[in-house]
Structures are given as C-alpha cells and as structure tokens.
C-alpha cells in the first residue's frame, strides 16, 4: 500500500444540527406568540356565519349571535384527535380563569353517543355538535384542533389550527386586544 493513508472520515456535526432545530423551534414559538396574534386587528375581519349548532345537553341551539358582546372562541375538535386531547387541558384551564370570555367546543362529524362519552370523561362544558361537518366550509376548519376567535361584534378575527401548548397566552392576548377601549 504505498504508504498512503485513507482520508479522515468526516463526522456529522449532530450538535450543530440539534442547535439549528432548537433555534427553529424557538423562532416558530416566538412567531406564534408575538407575531401571529397581531393579525387580530387586521382590517380583513369578516362577519361570522349565521349558523346554529345543537347543544350536547339538549338545550336551545347555540348561535354566534347569542354570544354578542363577548369574545367567543369556537374550539373545533374530534374525539379521535390526539392533538385535541393534548390541548384540551390548556383550554379548560384558561376557560376557568377567564369567565368573561366564552369557549364553545364544537365536535365535528361524530355520533352524539361518542361525543357524550368523551365530554363526560373530560368534564367538558358548553359542547355543541356539527354532525354534518358544515363548519369545515363555514369556518375553514382544515384540521383539528382549530380555534376560531370571534370578537364581541360577531366578526371572525383569528383562526389557530393545530396543537399549541401556549394557546392560553394567545387567547389571553386576543381577549385583551378585542375588548380594550378604542
């Protein structure tokens, strides 16, 4: 072998790769917390559709107009949705701490018996039903969970899709911005 040495193997810089991933996650979290919520005051707000959802408890149908004067969060979910289950405790905790806002969980496309068992197991309140999945078109629900923010005047101001462990912060920011005196 003529005394030649094999070139040294290049090592994969795993530390730098992990640093890059961590930085990307931090930047995404900062965007979700501080930049994305600024869209609440965008002039692109539009009136929420006039829909009525049957209540799981059998009461009078829920309408957006019945929440007039309060910030309303429609939390579109499905019982089979793992991210919905993961986000649920964050939303319930926020709801208990902010009784001046209204959080309405909307089950999309499932049988009432399934929803009833799920709601009971997770002590959910104010659950309404969308068995025909009309909300997918009316509210542009493209995935679960999706939270639609409606201002006190009945206009859609923000939509958040996907699991967000900081959802409470985003909801608090929305309530603050949408209820402050102009």
C-alpha atoms as a PDB file:
ATOM      1  CA  UNK A   1       0.000   0.000   0.000  1.00  0.00           C
ATOM      2  CA  UNK A   2       2.416   2.735  -0.908  1.00  0.00           C
ATOM      3  CA  UNK A   3       2.179   4.388   2.496  1.00  0.00           C
ATOM      4  CA  UNK A   4      -0.973   6.243   1.595  1.00  0.00           C
ATOM      5  CA  UNK A   5      -3.415   6.870   4.350  1.00  0.00           C
ATOM      6  CA  UNK A   6      -7.145   6.884   3.891  1.00  0.00           C
ATOM      7  CA  UNK A   7      -8.636  10.351   4.179  1.00  0.00           C
ATOM      8  CA  UNK A   8     -10.063  11.044   7.637  1.00  0.00           C
ATOM      9  CA  UNK A   9     -13.787  10.365   7.964  1.00  0.00           C
ATOM     10  CA  UNK A  10     -15.931  13.392   8.252  1.00  0.00           C
ATOM     11  CA  UNK A  11     -18.052  13.409  11.358  1.00  0.00           C
ATOM     12  CA  UNK A  12     -21.636  14.544  11.238  1.00  0.00           C
ATOM     13  CA  UNK A  13     -21.967  17.679  13.381  1.00  0.00           C
ATOM     14  CA  UNK A  14     -25.015  16.454  15.357  1.00  0.00           C
ATOM     15  CA  UNK A  15     -24.573  19.189  17.939  1.00  0.00           C
ATOM     16  CA  UNK A  16     -24.900  21.910  15.317  1.00  0.00           C
ATOM     17  CA  UNK A  17     -27.869  20.186  13.688  1.00  0.00           C
ATOM     18  CA  UNK A  18     -29.679  19.959  17.037  1.00  0.00           C
ATOM     19  CA  UNK A  19     -28.828  23.605  17.767  1.00  0.00           C
ATOM     20  CA  UNK A  20     -30.373  24.566  14.432  1.00  0.00           C
ATOM     21  CA  UNK A  21     -33.537  22.583  15.151  1.00  0.00           C
ATOM     22  CA  UNK A  22     -33.812  24.130  18.626  1.00  0.00           C
ATOM     23  CA  UNK A  23     -33.361  27.625  17.183  1.00  0.00           C
ATOM     24  CA  UNK A  24     -36.021  26.958  14.541  1.00  0.00           C
ATOM     25  CA  UNK A  25     -38.470  25.776  17.228  1.00  0.00           C
ATOM     26  CA  UNK A  26     -37.798  28.844  19.371  1.00  0.00           C
ATOM     27  CA  UNK A  27     -38.296  31.185  16.408  1.00  0.00           C
ATOM     28  CA  UNK A  28     -41.536  29.401  15.488  1.00  0.00           C
ATOM     29  CA  UNK A  29     -42.804  29.679  19.086  1.00  0.00           C
ATOM     30  CA  UNK A  30     -41.952  33.394  19.176  1.00  0.00           C
ATOM     31  CA  UNK A  31     -43.739  33.923  15.876  1.00  0.00           C
ATOM     32  CA  UNK A  32     -46.826  32.059  17.148  1.00  0.00           C
ATOM     33  CA  UNK A  33     -46.886  34.047  20.398  1.00  0.00           C
ATOM     34  CA  UNK A  34     -45.962  37.550  19.304  1.00  0.00           C
ATOM     35  CA  UNK A  35     -46.301  37.999  15.551  1.00  0.00           C
ATOM     36  CA  UNK A  36     -49.300  35.852  14.589  1.00  0.00           C
ATOM     37  CA  UNK A  37     -51.626  37.355  17.249  1.00  0.00           C
ATOM     38  CA  UNK A  38     -51.075  40.828  15.761  1.00  0.00           C
ATOM     39  CA  UNK A  39     -53.307  39.767  12.909  1.00  0.00           C
ATOM     40  CA  UNK A  40     -56.274  40.116  15.302  1.00  0.00           C
ATOM     41  CA  UNK A  41     -56.642  43.779  14.437  1.00  0.00           C
ATOM     42  CA  UNK A  42     -56.314  43.247  10.725  1.00  0.00           C
ATOM     43  CA  UNK A  43     -58.864  45.052   8.571  1.00  0.00           C
ATOM     44  CA  UNK A  44     -59.623  41.671   6.999  1.00  0.00           C
ATOM     45  CA  UNK A  45     -62.073  40.727   9.780  1.00  0.00           C
ATOM     46  CA  UNK A  46     -65.371  39.476   8.415  1.00  0.00           C
ATOM     47  CA  UNK A  47     -68.765  38.598   9.910  1.00  0.00           C
ATOM     48  CA  UNK A  48     -69.081  35.108  11.328  1.00  0.00           C
ATOM     49  CA  UNK A  49     -71.615  32.952   9.504  1.00  0.00           C
ATOM     50  CA  UNK A  50     -75.104  32.693  10.939  1.00  0.00           C
ATOM     51  CA  UNK A  51     -75.153  29.070  11.948  1.00  0.00           C
ATOM     52  CA  UNK A  52     -76.906  27.200  14.723  1.00  0.00           C
ATOM     53  CA  UNK A  53     -75.327  24.246  16.484  1.00  0.00           C
ATOM     54  CA  UNK A  54     -77.300  21.707  18.502  1.00  0.00           C
ATOM     55  CA  UNK A  55     -76.197  21.564  22.131  1.00  0.00           C
ATOM     56  CA  UNK A  56     -74.998  18.291  23.564  1.00  0.00           C
ATOM     57  CA  UNK A  57     -77.108  18.906  26.672  1.00  0.00           C
ATOM     58  CA  UNK A  58     -80.242  19.259  24.529  1.00  0.00           C
ATOM     59  CA  UNK A  59     -80.792  22.955  25.219  1.00  0.00           C
ATOM     60  CA  UNK A  60     -81.731  25.588  22.672  1.00  0.00           C
ATOM     61  CA  UNK A  61     -79.379  25.683  19.666  1.00  0.00           C
ATOM     62  CA  UNK A  62     -76.214  27.741  20.067  1.00  0.00           C
ATOM     63  CA  UNK A  63     -75.784  30.701  17.741  1.00  0.00           C
ATOM     64  CA  UNK A  64     -72.930  33.163  17.380  1.00  0.00           C
ATOM     65  CA  UNK A  65     -75.420  35.979  17.985  1.00  0.00           C
ATOM     66  CA  UNK A  66     -76.116  34.565  21.465  1.00  0.00           C
ATOM     67  CA  UNK A  67     -72.512  35.433  22.412  1.00  0.00           C
ATOM     68  CA  UNK A  68     -72.809  39.052  21.205  1.00  0.00           C
ATOM     69  CA  UNK A  69     -70.815  41.371  23.461  1.00  0.00           C
ATOM     70  CA  UNK A  70     -68.273  38.716  24.493  1.00  0.00           C
ATOM     71  CA  UNK A  71     -65.157  37.341  22.881  1.00  0.00           C
ATOM     72  CA  UNK A  72     -66.053  33.873  21.614  1.00  0.00           C
ATOM     73  CA  UNK A  73     -63.671  31.013  20.938  1.00  0.00           C
ATOM     74  CA  UNK A  74     -65.097  28.153  18.891  1.00  0.00           C
ATOM     75  CA  UNK A  75     -62.902  25.122  19.572  1.00  0.00           C
ATOM     76  CA  UNK A  76     -63.439  22.663  16.709  1.00  0.00           C
ATOM     77  CA  UNK A  77     -62.394  19.148  17.702  1.00  0.00           C
ATOM     78  CA  UNK A  78     -62.979  15.438  17.204  1.00  0.00           C
ATOM     79  CA  UNK A  79     -62.835  12.755  19.889  1.00  0.00           C
ATOM     80  CA  UNK A  80     -60.310  10.681  17.898  1.00  0.00           C
ATOM     81  CA  UNK A  81     -57.906  13.636  17.563  1.00  0.00           C
ATOM     82  CA  UNK A  82     -54.808  13.151  19.727  1.00  0.00           C
ATOM     83  CA  UNK A  83     -53.671  16.820  19.495  1.00  0.00           C
ATOM     84  CA  UNK A  84     -57.195  17.864  20.554  1.00  0.00           C
ATOM     85  CA  UNK A  85     -56.888  15.708  23.669  1.00  0.00           C
ATOM     86  CA  UNK A  86     -53.457  17.170  24.412  1.00  0.00           C
ATOM     87  CA  UNK A  87     -54.646  20.774  24.036  1.00  0.00           C
ATOM     88  CA  UNK A  88     -57.901  20.297  25.966  1.00  0.00           C
ATOM     89  CA  UNK A  89     -56.428  20.766  29.484  1.00  0.00           C
ATOM     90  CA  UNK A  90     -54.796  24.048  28.419  1.00  0.00           C
ATOM     91  CA  UNK A  91     -58.083  25.361  27.047  1.00  0.00           C
ATOM     92  CA  UNK A  92     -60.127  24.200  30.043  1.00  0.00           C
ATOM     93  CA  UNK A  93     -57.681  25.805  32.456  1.00  0.00           C
ATOM     94  CA  UNK A  94     -57.792  29.065  30.522  1.00  0.00           C
ATOM     95  CA  UNK A  95     -61.596  28.963  30.372  1.00  0.00           C
ATOM     96  CA  UNK A  96     -61.894  28.576  34.166  1.00  0.00           C
ATOM     97  CA  UNK A  97     -59.592  31.554  34.695  1.00  0.00           C
ATOM     98  CA  UNK A  98     -61.420  33.795  32.169  1.00  0.00           C
ATOM     99  CA  UNK A  99     -65.188  33.575  32.709  1.00  0.00           C
ATOM    100  CA  UNK A 100     -65.736  36.859  30.824  1.00  0.00           C
ATOM    101  CA  UNK A 101     -64.895  35.104  27.536  1.00  0.00           C
ATOM    102  CA  UNK A 102     -66.829  32.186  26.099  1.00  0.00           C
ATOM    103  CA  UNK A 103     -65.209  28.949  24.913  1.00  0.00           C
ATOM    104  CA  UNK A 104     -67.526  26.638  22.968  1.00  0.00           C
ATOM    105  CA  UNK A 105     -66.194  23.217  21.978  1.00  0.00           C
ATOM    106  CA  UNK A 106     -67.671  22.128  18.630  1.00  0.00           C
ATOM    107  CA  UNK A 107     -67.497  18.421  17.831  1.00  0.00           C
ATOM    108  CA  UNK A 108     -67.279  17.900  14.089  1.00  0.00           C
ATOM    109  CA  UNK A 109     -68.883  14.910  12.387  1.00  0.00           C
ATOM    110  CA  UNK A 110     -69.307  12.356  15.149  1.00  0.00           C
ATOM    111  CA  UNK A 111     -72.262  10.462  16.633  1.00  0.00           C
ATOM    112  CA  UNK A 112     -73.812  12.055  19.708  1.00  0.00           C
ATOM    113  CA  UNK A 113     -73.184   8.985  21.900  1.00  0.00           C
ATOM    114  CA  UNK A 114     -69.440   9.138  21.185  1.00  0.00           C
ATOM    115  CA  UNK A 115     -69.326  12.866  21.921  1.00  0.00           C
ATOM    116  CA  UNK A 116     -71.363  12.452  25.108  1.00  0.00           C
ATOM    117  CA  UNK A 117     -68.936   9.831  26.490  1.00  0.00           C
ATOM    118  CA  UNK A 118     -65.923  11.959  25.576  1.00  0.00           C
ATOM    119  CA  UNK A 119     -67.378  15.142  27.062  1.00  0.00           C
ATOM    120  CA  UNK A 120     -68.298  13.356  30.271  1.00  0.00           C
ATOM    121  CA  UNK A 121     -64.848  11.739  30.586  1.00  0.00           C
ATOM    122  CA  UNK A 122     -63.148  15.115  30.091  1.00  0.00           C
ATOM    123  CA  UNK A 123     -65.664  17.262  32.044  1.00  0.00           C
ATOM    124  CA  UNK A 124     -66.316  19.472  29.044  1.00  0.00           C
ATOM    125  CA  UNK A 125     -68.895  22.249  29.215  1.00  0.00           C
ATOM    126  CA  UNK A 126     -70.935  24.050  26.536  1.00  0.00           C
ATOM    127  CA  UNK A 127     -70.307  21.327  23.914  1.00  0.00           C
ATOM    128  CA  UNK A 128     -72.164  21.761  20.646  1.00  0.00           C
ATOM    129  CA  UNK A 129     -72.474  19.429  17.680  1.00  0.00           C
ATOM    130  CA  UNK A 130     -71.747  19.723  13.989  1.00  0.00           C
ATOM    131  CA  UNK A 131     -72.704  16.249  12.740  1.00  0.00           C
ATOM    132  CA  UNK A 132     -72.942  17.366   9.096  1.00  0.00           C
ATOM    133  CA  UNK A 133     -69.452  18.946   9.211  1.00  0.00           C
ATOM    134  CA  UNK A 134     -70.750  22.268   7.913  1.00  0.00           C
ATOM    135  CA  UNK A 135     -68.117  24.114   9.945  1.00  0.00           C
ATOM    136  CA  UNK A 136     -65.414  22.879   7.598  1.00  0.00           C
ATOM    137  CA  UNK A 137     -66.780  25.240   4.957  1.00  0.00           C
ATOM    138  CA  UNK A 138     -68.286  27.974   7.119  1.00  0.00           C
ATOM    139  CA  UNK A 139     -65.204  28.428   9.316  1.00  0.00           C
ATOM    140  CA  UNK A 140     -62.469  26.988   7.065  1.00  0.00           C
ATOM    141  CA  UNK A 141     -61.701  24.183   9.512  1.00  0.00           C
ATOM    142  CA  UNK A 142     -58.888  22.370   7.736  1.00  0.00           C
ATOM    143  CA  UNK A 143     -57.605  20.291  10.644  1.00  0.00           C
ATOM    144  CA  UNK A 144     -58.037  19.620  14.324  1.00  0.00           C
ATOM    145  CA  UNK A 145     -57.887  21.271  16.717  1.00  0.00           C
ATOM    146  CA  UNK A 146     -58.921  24.595  15.199  1.00  0.00           C
ATOM    147  CA  UNK A 147     -59.884  27.586  17.315  1.00  0.00           C
ATOM    148  CA  UNK A 148     -61.784  30.436  15.691  1.00  0.00           C
ATOM    149  CA  UNK A 149     -61.772  33.761  17.523  1.00  0.00           C
ATOM    150  CA  UNK A 150     -64.881  35.914  17.170  1.00  0.00           C
ATOM    151  CA  UNK A 151     -64.940  39.454  18.523  1.00  0.00           C
ATOM    152  CA  UNK A 152     -67.783  40.952  20.607  1.00  0.00           C
ATOM    153  CA  UNK A 153     -69.380  42.353  17.429  1.00  0.00           C
ATOM    154  CA  UNK A 154     -69.564  38.911  15.778  1.00  0.00           C
ATOM    155  CA  UNK A 155     -66.597  39.179  13.399  1.00  0.00           C
ATOM    156  CA  UNK A 156     -64.034  36.442  12.843  1.00  0.00           C
ATOM    157  CA  UNK A 157     -60.677  37.859  13.880  1.00  0.00           C
ATOM    158  CA  UNK A 158     -58.285  34.889  14.037  1.00  0.00           C
ATOM    159  CA  UNK A 159     -58.036  31.174  13.379  1.00  0.00           C
ATOM    160  CA  UNK A 160     -55.461  28.927  15.000  1.00  0.00           C
ATOM    161  CA  UNK A 161     -55.043  25.410  13.634  1.00  0.00           C
ATOM    162  CA  UNK A 162     -53.033  22.660  15.277  1.00  0.00           C
ATOM    163  CA  UNK A 163     -51.782  21.866  18.744  1.00  0.00           C
ATOM    164  CA  UNK A 164     -50.372  24.865  20.573  1.00  0.00           C
ATOM    165  CA  UNK A 165     -49.211  24.433  24.184  1.00  0.00           C
ATOM    166  CA  UNK A 166     -49.236  28.229  24.520  1.00  0.00           C
ATOM    167  CA  UNK A 167     -52.864  28.539  23.384  1.00  0.00           C
ATOM    168  CA  UNK A 168     -53.832  30.174  26.665  1.00  0.00           C
ATOM    169  CA  UNK A 169     -51.406  33.020  26.021  1.00  0.00           C
ATOM    170  CA  UNK A 170     -52.774  33.512  22.516  1.00  0.00           C
ATOM    171  CA  UNK A 171     -56.360  33.508  23.828  1.00  0.00           C
ATOM    172  CA  UNK A 172     -55.497  35.998  26.591  1.00  0.00           C
ATOM    173  CA  UNK A 173     -53.861  38.261  24.037  1.00  0.00           C
ATOM    174  CA  UNK A 174     -56.965  38.060  21.839  1.00  0.00           C
ATOM    175  CA  UNK A 175     -59.316  38.926  24.703  1.00  0.00           C
ATOM    176  CA  UNK A 176     -57.107  41.834  25.724  1.00  0.00           C
ATOM    177  CA  UNK A 177     -56.894  43.253  22.196  1.00  0.00           C
ATOM    178  CA  UNK A 178     -60.522  42.698  21.287  1.00  0.00           C
ATOM    179  CA  UNK A 179     -62.021  44.172  24.451  1.00  0.00           C
ATOM    180  CA  UNK A 180     -59.817  47.202  25.061  1.00  0.00           C
ATOM    181  CA  UNK A 181     -61.430  50.579  24.558  1.00  0.00           C
ATOM    182  CA  UNK A 182     -60.664  52.160  21.214  1.00  0.00           C
END
